[in-house]
Amino acid sequence: MAAKLTEAEINEHLASVRGWALVGGMLTRTFILRDFTAALTFVGAVGHLAEAAGHHPDITINYNRVTLALTTHDSGGITEKDFALAAQISALP
């Protein structure tokens, strides 16, 4: 099980994943894509990264907006795994 990060560690890591924020105890970001088809393609790419990492975000799609939320449920909060996946996702668009 991954170690839960402290608030100070989370704030430090946030600088490395531009566009992500801590909201409701989860690492979140909304991506705005060209259209619905682009949003679905993006979600598919996120799915491949998530499967490879064995770590799965909550995903909300609203037409061309995709909101992702990451937390490590078995650790009870944000861990290095969340930031690693956030960095990989950020490299997609």
PDB file of N, CA and C in Angstrom:
ATOM      1  N   MET A   1       0.847  -1.179   0.000  1.00  0.00           N
ATOM      2  CA  MET A   1       0.000   0.000   0.000  1.00  0.00           C
ATOM      3  C   MET A   1       0.894   1.244   0.000  1.00  0.00           C
ATOM      4  N   ALA A   2       0.513   2.221  -0.816  1.00  0.00           N
ATOM      5  CA  ALA A   2       1.276   3.468  -0.912  1.00  0.00           C
ATOM      6  C   ALA A   2       1.021   4.342   0.314  1.00  0.00           C
ATOM      7  N   ALA A   3       2.029   5.077   0.723  1.00  0.00           N
ATOM      8  CA  ALA A   3       1.909   5.945   1.896  1.00  0.00           C
ATOM      9  C   ALA A   3       1.146   7.218   1.538  1.00  0.00           C
ATOM     10  N   LYS A   4       0.201   7.561   2.386  1.00  0.00           N
ATOM     11  CA  LYS A   4      -0.568   8.798   2.226  1.00  0.00           C
ATOM     12  C   LYS A   4       0.357   9.984   2.455  1.00  0.00           C
ATOM     13  N   LEU A   5       0.278  10.976   1.555  1.00  0.00           N
ATOM     14  CA  LEU A   5       1.113  12.163   1.680  1.00  0.00           C
ATOM     15  C   LEU A   5       0.513  13.150   2.670  1.00  0.00           C
ATOM     16  N   THR A   6       1.380  13.909   3.314  1.00  0.00           N
ATOM     17  CA  THR A   6       0.928  14.964   4.217  1.00  0.00           C
ATOM     18  C   THR A   6       0.459  16.157   3.385  1.00  0.00           C
ATOM     19  N   GLU A   7      -0.214  17.080   4.024  1.00  0.00           N
ATOM     20  CA  GLU A   7      -0.681  18.288   3.330  1.00  0.00           C
ATOM     21  C   GLU A   7       0.506  19.064   2.742  1.00  0.00           C
ATOM     22  N   ALA A   8       1.584  19.158   3.493  1.00  0.00           N
ATOM     23  CA  ALA A   8       2.780  19.864   3.006  1.00  0.00           C
ATOM     24  C   ALA A   8       3.368  19.158   1.781  1.00  0.00           C
ATOM     25  N   GLU A   9       3.425  17.831   1.815  1.00  0.00           N
ATOM     26  CA  GLU A   9       3.948  17.070   0.677  1.00  0.00           C
ATOM     27  C   GLU A   9       3.051  17.231  -0.548  1.00  0.00           C
ATOM     28  N   ILE A  10       1.742  17.234  -0.329  1.00  0.00           N
ATOM     29  CA  ILE A  10       0.798  17.431  -1.432  1.00  0.00           C
ATOM     30  C   ILE A  10       1.009  18.798  -2.065  1.00  0.00           C
ATOM     31  N   ASN A  11       1.095  19.829  -1.243  1.00  0.00           N
ATOM     32  CA  ASN A  11       1.305  21.188  -1.759  1.00  0.00           C
ATOM     33  C   ASN A  11       2.611  21.295  -2.539  1.00  0.00           C
ATOM     34  N   GLU A  12       3.638  20.621  -2.067  1.00  0.00           N
ATOM     35  CA  GLU A  12       4.924  20.618  -2.762  1.00  0.00           C
ATOM     36  C   GLU A  12       4.802  19.940  -4.126  1.00  0.00           C
ATOM     37  N   HIS A  13       4.109  18.801  -4.163  1.00  0.00           N
ATOM     38  CA  HIS A  13       3.940  18.044  -5.412  1.00  0.00           C
ATOM     39  C   HIS A  13       3.033  18.766  -6.414  1.00  0.00           C
ATOM     40  N   LEU A  14       2.089  19.559  -5.929  1.00  0.00           N
ATOM     41  CA  LEU A  14       1.167  20.246  -6.834  1.00  0.00           C
ATOM     42  C   LEU A  14       1.908  21.132  -7.835  1.00  0.00           C
ATOM     43  N   ALA A  15       3.043  21.651  -7.454  1.00  0.00           N
ATOM     44  CA  ALA A  15       3.830  22.497  -8.353  1.00  0.00           C
ATOM     45  C   ALA A  15       4.335  21.718  -9.571  1.00  0.00           C
ATOM     46  N   SER A  16       4.427  20.401  -9.446  1.00  0.00           N
ATOM     47  CA  SER A  16       4.963  19.576 -10.538  1.00  0.00           C
ATOM     48  C   SER A  16       3.890  19.105 -11.519  1.00  0.00           C
ATOM     49  N   VAL A  17       2.620  19.336 -11.204  1.00  0.00           N
ATOM     50  CA  VAL A  17       1.527  18.895 -12.093  1.00  0.00           C
ATOM     51  C   VAL A  17       0.608  20.085 -12.382  1.00  0.00           C
ATOM     52  N   ARG A  18       1.055  20.934 -13.279  1.00  0.00           N
ATOM     53  CA  ARG A  18       0.335  22.157 -13.623  1.00  0.00           C
ATOM     54  C   ARG A  18      -1.119  21.862 -14.012  1.00  0.00           C
ATOM     55  N   GLY A  19      -2.028  22.652 -13.460  1.00  0.00           N
ATOM     56  CA  GLY A  19      -3.436  22.512 -13.800  1.00  0.00           C
ATOM     57  C   GLY A  19      -4.224  21.628 -12.845  1.00  0.00           C
ATOM     58  N   TRP A  20      -3.549  20.849 -12.031  1.00  0.00           N
ATOM     59  CA  TRP A  20      -4.205  19.979 -11.073  1.00  0.00           C
ATOM     60  C   TRP A  20      -4.381  20.728  -9.757  1.00  0.00           C
ATOM     61  N   ALA A  21      -5.443  20.388  -9.042  1.00  0.00           N
ATOM     62  CA  ALA A  21      -5.723  21.039  -7.755  1.00  0.00           C
ATOM     63  C   ALA A  21      -6.264  20.004  -6.780  1.00  0.00           C
ATOM     64  N   LEU A  22      -6.149  20.305  -5.515  1.00  0.00           N
ATOM     65  CA  LEU A  22      -6.717  19.463  -4.475  1.00  0.00           C
ATOM     66  C   LEU A  22      -8.130  19.961  -4.204  1.00  0.00           C
ATOM     67  N   VAL A  23      -9.124  19.123  -4.508  1.00  0.00           N
ATOM     68  CA  VAL A  23     -10.530  19.485  -4.325  1.00  0.00           C
ATOM     69  C   VAL A  23     -11.226  18.319  -3.633  1.00  0.00           C
ATOM     70  N   GLY A  24     -11.783  18.591  -2.468  1.00  0.00           N
ATOM     71  CA  GLY A  24     -12.505  17.539  -1.755  1.00  0.00           C
ATOM     72  C   GLY A  24     -11.664  16.321  -1.437  1.00  0.00           C
ATOM     73  N   GLY A  25     -10.390  16.545  -1.162  1.00  0.00           N
ATOM     74  CA  GLY A  25      -9.513  15.430  -0.813  1.00  0.00           C
ATOM     75  C   GLY A  25      -9.035  14.617  -2.001  1.00  0.00           C
ATOM     76  N   MET A  26      -9.288  15.121  -3.225  1.00  0.00           N
ATOM     77  CA  MET A  26      -8.870  14.413  -4.432  1.00  0.00           C
ATOM     78  C   MET A  26      -8.056  15.354  -5.314  1.00  0.00           C
ATOM     79  N   LEU A  27      -7.137  14.786  -6.051  1.00  0.00           N
ATOM     80  CA  LEU A  27      -6.352  15.522  -7.022  1.00  0.00           C
ATOM     81  C   LEU A  27      -7.197  15.604  -8.297  1.00  0.00           C
ATOM     82  N   THR A  28      -7.588  16.813  -8.712  1.00  0.00           N
ATOM     83  CA  THR A  28      -8.521  16.948  -9.826  1.00  0.00           C
ATOM     84  C   THR A  28      -8.013  17.895 -10.904  1.00  0.00           C
ATOM     85  N   ARG A  29      -8.520  17.670 -12.108  1.00  0.00           N
ATOM     86  CA  ARG A  29      -8.261  18.571 -13.222  1.00  0.00           C
ATOM     87  C   ARG A  29      -9.351  18.375 -14.271  1.00  0.00           C
ATOM     88  N   THR A  30      -9.765  19.481 -14.877  1.00  0.00           N
ATOM     89  CA  THR A  30     -10.708  19.431 -15.989  1.00  0.00           C
ATOM     90  C   THR A  30      -9.966  19.767 -17.267  1.00  0.00           C
ATOM     91  N   PHE A  31     -10.110  18.913 -18.260  1.00  0.00           N
ATOM     92  CA  PHE A  31      -9.515  19.102 -19.576  1.00  0.00           C
ATOM     93  C   PHE A  31     -10.625  19.499 -20.536  1.00  0.00           C
ATOM     94  N   ILE A  32     -10.364  20.500 -21.367  1.00  0.00           N
ATOM     95  CA  ILE A  32     -11.344  20.924 -22.364  1.00  0.00           C
ATOM     96  C   ILE A  32     -10.801  20.513 -23.723  1.00  0.00           C
ATOM     97  N   LEU A  33     -11.537  19.646 -24.383  1.00  0.00           N
ATOM     98  CA  LEU A  33     -11.131  19.107 -25.661  1.00  0.00           C
ATOM     99  C   LEU A  33     -11.922  19.765 -26.798  1.00  0.00           C
ATOM    100  N   ARG A  34     -11.581  19.447 -28.025  1.00  0.00           N
ATOM    101  CA  ARG A  34     -12.198  20.041 -29.209  1.00  0.00           C
ATOM    102  C   ARG A  34     -13.696  19.767 -29.288  1.00  0.00           C
ATOM    103  N   ASP A  35     -14.095  18.527 -29.034  1.00  0.00           N
ATOM    104  CA  ASP A  35     -15.498  18.137 -29.125  1.00  0.00           C
ATOM    105  C   ASP A  35     -15.696  16.823 -28.369  1.00  0.00           C
ATOM    106  N   PHE A  36     -16.895  16.268 -28.455  1.00  0.00           N
ATOM    107  CA  PHE A  36     -17.221  15.046 -27.720  1.00  0.00           C
ATOM    108  C   PHE A  36     -16.345  13.876 -28.161  1.00  0.00           C
ATOM    109  N   THR A  37     -16.117  13.753 -29.466  1.00  0.00           N
ATOM    110  CA  THR A  37     -15.292  12.660 -29.968  1.00  0.00           C
ATOM    111  C   THR A  37     -13.870  12.764 -29.421  1.00  0.00           C
ATOM    112  N   ALA A  38     -13.329  13.960 -29.392  1.00  0.00           N
ATOM    113  CA  ALA A  38     -11.987  14.156 -28.833  1.00  0.00           C
ATOM    114  C   ALA A  38     -11.963  13.820 -27.347  1.00  0.00           C
ATOM    115  N   ALA A  39     -13.044  14.165 -26.645  1.00  0.00           N
ATOM    116  CA  ALA A  39     -13.130  13.845 -25.216  1.00  0.00           C
ATOM    117  C   ALA A  39     -13.110  12.329 -25.008  1.00  0.00           C
ATOM    118  N   LEU A  40     -13.846  11.611 -25.832  1.00  0.00           N
ATOM    119  CA  LEU A  40     -13.867  10.147 -25.711  1.00  0.00           C
ATOM    120  C   LEU A  40     -12.503   9.539 -26.034  1.00  0.00           C
ATOM    121  N   THR A  41     -11.840  10.067 -27.034  1.00  0.00           N
ATOM    122  CA  THR A  41     -10.499   9.589 -27.390  1.00  0.00           C
ATOM    123  C   THR A  41      -9.537   9.825 -26.229  1.00  0.00           C
ATOM    124  N   PHE A  42      -9.619  11.003 -25.629  1.00  0.00           N
ATOM    125  CA  PHE A  42      -8.788  11.338 -24.477  1.00  0.00           C
ATOM    126  C   PHE A  42      -9.048  10.373 -23.324  1.00  0.00           C
ATOM    127  N   VAL A  43     -10.314  10.111 -23.044  1.00  0.00           N
ATOM    128  CA  VAL A  43     -10.667   9.186 -21.957  1.00  0.00           C
ATOM    129  C   VAL A  43     -10.116   7.791 -22.236  1.00  0.00           C
ATOM    130  N   GLY A  44     -10.142   7.367 -23.496  1.00  0.00           N
ATOM    131  CA  GLY A  44      -9.559   6.073 -23.848  1.00  0.00           C
ATOM    132  C   GLY A  44      -8.073   6.034 -23.558  1.00  0.00           C
ATOM    133  N   ALA A  45      -7.375   7.117 -23.879  1.00  0.00           N
ATOM    134  CA  ALA A  45      -5.940   7.195 -23.611  1.00  0.00           C
ATOM    135  C   ALA A  45      -5.668   7.187 -22.107  1.00  0.00           C
ATOM    136  N   VAL A  46      -6.495   7.915 -21.348  1.00  0.00           N
ATOM    137  CA  VAL A  46      -6.378   7.906 -19.883  1.00  0.00           C
ATOM    138  C   VAL A  46      -6.595   6.490 -19.362  1.00  0.00           C
ATOM    139  N   GLY A  47      -7.563   5.799 -19.922  1.00  0.00           N
ATOM    140  CA  GLY A  47      -7.840   4.428 -19.509  1.00  0.00           C
ATOM    141  C   GLY A  47      -6.649   3.503 -19.697  1.00  0.00           C
ATOM    142  N   HIS A  48      -5.944   3.653 -20.809  1.00  0.00           N
ATOM    143  CA  HIS A  48      -4.757   2.828 -21.050  1.00  0.00           C
ATOM    144  C   HIS A  48      -3.664   3.122 -20.023  1.00  0.00           C
ATOM    145  N   LEU A  49      -3.446   4.407 -19.734  1.00  0.00           N
ATOM    146  CA  LEU A  49      -2.453   4.762 -18.709  1.00  0.00           C
ATOM    147  C   LEU A  49      -2.854   4.217 -17.346  1.00  0.00           C
ATOM    148  N   ALA A  50      -4.134   4.353 -17.014  1.00  0.00           N
ATOM    149  CA  ALA A  50      -4.629   3.891 -15.715  1.00  0.00           C
ATOM    150  C   ALA A  50      -4.470   2.382 -15.561  1.00  0.00           C
ATOM    151  N   GLU A  51      -4.800   1.634 -16.611  1.00  0.00           N
ATOM    152  CA  GLU A  51      -4.642   0.181 -16.556  1.00  0.00           C
ATOM    153  C   GLU A  51      -3.184  -0.204 -16.377  1.00  0.00           C
ATOM    154  N   ALA A  52      -2.300   0.455 -17.107  1.00  0.00           N
ATOM    155  CA  ALA A  52      -0.872   0.155 -16.997  1.00  0.00           C
ATOM    156  C   ALA A  52      -0.348   0.453 -15.593  1.00  0.00           C
ATOM    157  N   ALA A  53      -0.896   1.513 -14.973  1.00  0.00           N
ATOM    158  CA  ALA A  53      -0.457   1.901 -13.623  1.00  0.00           C
ATOM    159  C   ALA A  53      -1.183   1.118 -12.535  1.00  0.00           C
ATOM    160  N   GLY A  54      -2.275   0.443 -12.891  1.00  0.00           N
ATOM    161  CA  GLY A  54      -3.086  -0.235 -11.872  1.00  0.00           C
ATOM    162  C   GLY A  54      -3.711   0.765 -10.917  1.00  0.00           C
ATOM    163  N   HIS A  55      -4.037   1.939 -11.455  1.00  0.00           N
ATOM    164  CA  HIS A  55      -4.553   3.038 -10.633  1.00  0.00           C
ATOM    165  C   HIS A  55      -5.576   3.800 -11.470  1.00  0.00           C
ATOM    166  N   HIS A  56      -6.800   3.904 -10.993  1.00  0.00           N
ATOM    167  CA  HIS A  56      -7.901   4.364 -11.835  1.00  0.00           C
ATOM    168  C   HIS A  56      -8.581   5.623 -11.301  1.00  0.00           C
ATOM    169  N   PRO A  57      -8.656   6.672 -12.135  1.00  0.00           N
ATOM    170  CA  PRO A  57      -9.296   7.919 -11.717  1.00  0.00           C
ATOM    171  C   PRO A  57     -10.809   7.831 -11.834  1.00  0.00           C
ATOM    172  N   ASP A  58     -11.490   8.699 -11.113  1.00  0.00           N
ATOM    173  CA  ASP A  58     -12.912   8.924 -11.361  1.00  0.00           C
ATOM    174  C   ASP A  58     -12.963   9.841 -12.577  1.00  0.00           C
ATOM    175  N   ILE A  59     -13.858   9.547 -13.515  1.00  0.00           N
ATOM    176  CA  ILE A  59     -13.927  10.297 -14.768  1.00  0.00           C
ATOM    177  C   ILE A  59     -15.345  10.794 -14.985  1.00  0.00           C
ATOM    178  N   THR A  60     -15.476  12.098 -15.278  1.00  0.00           N
ATOM    179  CA  THR A  60     -16.764  12.693 -15.621  1.00  0.00           C
ATOM    180  C   THR A  60     -16.617  13.357 -16.985  1.00  0.00           C
ATOM    181  N   ILE A  61     -17.525  13.024 -17.900  1.00  0.00           N
ATOM    182  CA  ILE A  61     -17.500  13.622 -19.235  1.00  0.00           C
ATOM    183  C   ILE A  61     -18.748  14.482 -19.402  1.00  0.00           C
ATOM    184  N   ASN A  62     -18.539  15.741 -19.766  1.00  0.00           N
ATOM    185  CA  ASN A  62     -19.619  16.657 -20.098  1.00  0.00           C
ATOM    186  C   ASN A  62     -19.289  17.247 -21.470  1.00  0.00           C
ATOM    187  N   TYR A  63     -19.814  16.636 -22.509  1.00  0.00           N
ATOM    188  CA  TYR A  63     -19.552  16.979 -23.906  1.00  0.00           C
ATOM    189  C   TYR A  63     -18.049  17.024 -24.183  1.00  0.00           C
ATOM    190  N   ASN A  64     -17.437  18.208 -24.203  1.00  0.00           N
ATOM    191  CA  ASN A  64     -16.000  18.289 -24.514  1.00  0.00           C
ATOM    192  C   ASN A  64     -15.137  18.517 -23.271  1.00  0.00           C
ATOM    193  N   ARG A  65     -15.738  18.423 -22.096  1.00  0.00           N
ATOM    194  CA  ARG A  65     -15.016  18.605 -20.832  1.00  0.00           C
ATOM    195  C   ARG A  65     -14.878  17.256 -20.114  1.00  0.00           C
ATOM    196  N   VAL A  66     -13.659  16.952 -19.757  1.00  0.00           N
ATOM    197  CA  VAL A  66     -13.383  15.714 -19.029  1.00  0.00           C
ATOM    198  C   VAL A  66     -12.758  16.100 -17.696  1.00  0.00           C
ATOM    199  N   THR A  67     -13.416  15.734 -16.605  1.00  0.00           N
ATOM    200  CA  THR A  67     -12.883  15.996 -15.269  1.00  0.00           C
ATOM    201  C   THR A  67     -12.394  14.680 -14.686  1.00  0.00           C
ATOM    202  N   LEU A  68     -11.151  14.703 -14.233  1.00  0.00           N
ATOM    203  CA  LEU A  68     -10.533  13.533 -13.622  1.00  0.00           C
ATOM    204  C   LEU A  68     -10.286  13.820 -12.149  1.00  0.00           C
ATOM    205  N   ALA A  69     -10.476  12.817 -11.323  1.00  0.00           N
ATOM    206  CA  ALA A  69     -10.221  12.931  -9.888  1.00  0.00           C
ATOM    207  C   ALA A  69      -9.425  11.704  -9.445  1.00  0.00           C
ATOM    208  N   LEU A  70      -8.310  11.952  -8.794  1.00  0.00           N
ATOM    209  CA  LEU A  70      -7.422  10.885  -8.339  1.00  0.00           C
ATOM    210  C   LEU A  70      -7.298  10.886  -6.825  1.00  0.00           C
ATOM    211  N   THR A  71      -7.341   9.706  -6.268  1.00  0.00           N
ATOM    212  CA  THR A  71      -7.027   9.464  -4.867  1.00  0.00           C
ATOM    213  C   THR A  71      -6.673   7.990  -4.746  1.00  0.00           C
ATOM    214  N   THR A  72      -5.938   7.643  -3.721  1.00  0.00           N
ATOM    215  CA  THR A  72      -5.589   6.242  -3.496  1.00  0.00           C
ATOM    216  C   THR A  72      -6.481   5.749  -2.367  1.00  0.00           C
ATOM    217  N   HIS A  73      -7.562   5.099  -2.744  1.00  0.00           N
ATOM    218  CA  HIS A  73      -8.586   4.710  -1.776  1.00  0.00           C
ATOM    219  C   HIS A  73      -8.047   3.842  -0.643  1.00  0.00           C
ATOM    220  N   ASP A  74      -7.205   2.849  -0.973  1.00  0.00           N
ATOM    221  CA  ASP A  74      -6.728   1.950   0.088  1.00  0.00           C
ATOM    222  C   ASP A  74      -5.741   2.626   1.043  1.00  0.00           C
ATOM    223  N   SER A  75      -5.220   3.809   0.656  1.00  0.00           N
ATOM    224  CA  SER A  75      -4.344   4.574   1.552  1.00  0.00           C
ATOM    225  C   SER A  75      -5.098   5.689   2.264  1.00  0.00           C
ATOM    226  N   GLY A  76      -6.316   5.936   1.828  1.00  0.00           N
ATOM    227  CA  GLY A  76      -7.133   6.958   2.469  1.00  0.00           C
ATOM    228  C   GLY A  76      -6.766   8.386   2.119  1.00  0.00           C
ATOM    229  N   GLY A  77      -6.170   8.588   0.936  1.00  0.00           N
ATOM    230  CA  GLY A  77      -5.820   9.942   0.536  1.00  0.00           C
ATOM    231  C   GLY A  77      -4.919   9.979  -0.670  1.00  0.00           C
ATOM    232  N   ILE A  78      -4.238  11.086  -0.834  1.00  0.00           N
ATOM    233  CA  ILE A  78      -3.360  11.301  -1.973  1.00  0.00           C
ATOM    234  C   ILE A  78      -1.993  10.669  -1.706  1.00  0.00           C
ATOM    235  N   THR A  79      -1.473   9.961  -2.721  1.00  0.00           N
ATOM    236  CA  THR A  79      -0.163   9.319  -2.613  1.00  0.00           C
ATOM    237  C   THR A  79       0.678   9.675  -3.839  1.00  0.00           C
ATOM    238  N   GLU A  80       1.904   9.197  -3.845  1.00  0.00           N
ATOM    239  CA  GLU A  80       2.798   9.377  -4.998  1.00  0.00           C
ATOM    240  C   GLU A  80       2.164   8.800  -6.263  1.00  0.00           C
ATOM    241  N   LYS A  81       1.387   7.723  -6.122  1.00  0.00           N
ATOM    242  CA  LYS A  81       0.733   7.106  -7.284  1.00  0.00           C
ATOM    243  C   LYS A  81      -0.183   8.100  -7.990  1.00  0.00           C
ATOM    244  N   ASP A  82      -0.866   8.933  -7.228  1.00  0.00           N
ATOM    245  CA  ASP A  82      -1.774   9.916  -7.816  1.00  0.00           C
ATOM    246  C   ASP A  82      -0.998  10.952  -8.626  1.00  0.00           C
ATOM    247  N   PHE A  83       0.096  11.429  -8.072  1.00  0.00           N
ATOM    248  CA  PHE A  83       0.889  12.425  -8.784  1.00  0.00           C
ATOM    249  C   PHE A  83       1.579  11.833 -10.002  1.00  0.00           C
ATOM    250  N   ALA A  84       2.016  10.594  -9.916  1.00  0.00           N
ATOM    251  CA  ALA A  84       2.652   9.946 -11.065  1.00  0.00           C
ATOM    252  C   ALA A  84       1.658   9.815 -12.219  1.00  0.00           C
ATOM    253  N   LEU A  85       0.442   9.371 -11.918  1.00  0.00           N
ATOM    254  CA  LEU A  85      -0.565   9.223 -12.972  1.00  0.00           C
ATOM    255  C   LEU A  85      -1.000  10.589 -13.495  1.00  0.00           C
ATOM    256  N   ALA A  86      -1.132  11.572 -12.624  1.00  0.00           N
ATOM    257  CA  ALA A  86      -1.491  12.927 -13.054  1.00  0.00           C
ATOM    258  C   ALA A  86      -0.464  13.464 -14.051  1.00  0.00           C
ATOM    259  N   ALA A  87       0.805  13.245 -13.794  1.00  0.00           N
ATOM    260  CA  ALA A  87       1.867  13.700 -14.697  1.00  0.00           C
ATOM    261  C   ALA A  87       1.762  13.014 -16.049  1.00  0.00           C
ATOM    262  N   GLN A  88       1.495  11.720 -16.053  1.00  0.00           N
ATOM    263  CA  GLN A  88       1.340  10.987 -17.314  1.00  0.00           C
ATOM    264  C   GLN A  88       0.136  11.484 -18.096  1.00  0.00           C
ATOM    265  N   ILE A  89      -0.962  11.708 -17.399  1.00  0.00           N
ATOM    266  CA  ILE A  89      -2.186  12.203 -18.054  1.00  0.00           C
ATOM    267  C   ILE A  89      -1.949  13.586 -18.629  1.00  0.00           C
ATOM    268  N   SER A  90      -1.270  14.439 -17.885  1.00  0.00           N
ATOM    269  CA  SER A  90      -1.007  15.804 -18.337  1.00  0.00           C
ATOM    270  C   SER A  90      -0.204  15.839 -19.633  1.00  0.00           C
ATOM    271  N   ALA A  91       0.589  14.818 -19.879  1.00  0.00           N
ATOM    272  CA  ALA A  91       1.403  14.757 -21.084  1.00  0.00           C
ATOM    273  C   ALA A  91       0.586  14.362 -22.316  1.00  0.00           C
ATOM    274  N   LEU A  92      -0.658  13.921 -22.141  1.00  0.00           N
ATOM    275  CA  LEU A  92      -1.480  13.447 -23.254  1.00  0.00           C
ATOM    276  C   LEU A  92      -1.948  14.539 -24.220  1.00  0.00           C
ATOM    277  N   PRO A  93      -2.656  15.572 -23.753  1.00  0.00           N
ATOM    278  CA  PRO A  93      -3.252  16.494 -24.747  1.00  0.00           C
ATOM    279  C   PRO A  93      -2.245  17.347 -25.480  1.00  0.00           C
TER     280      PRO A  93
END
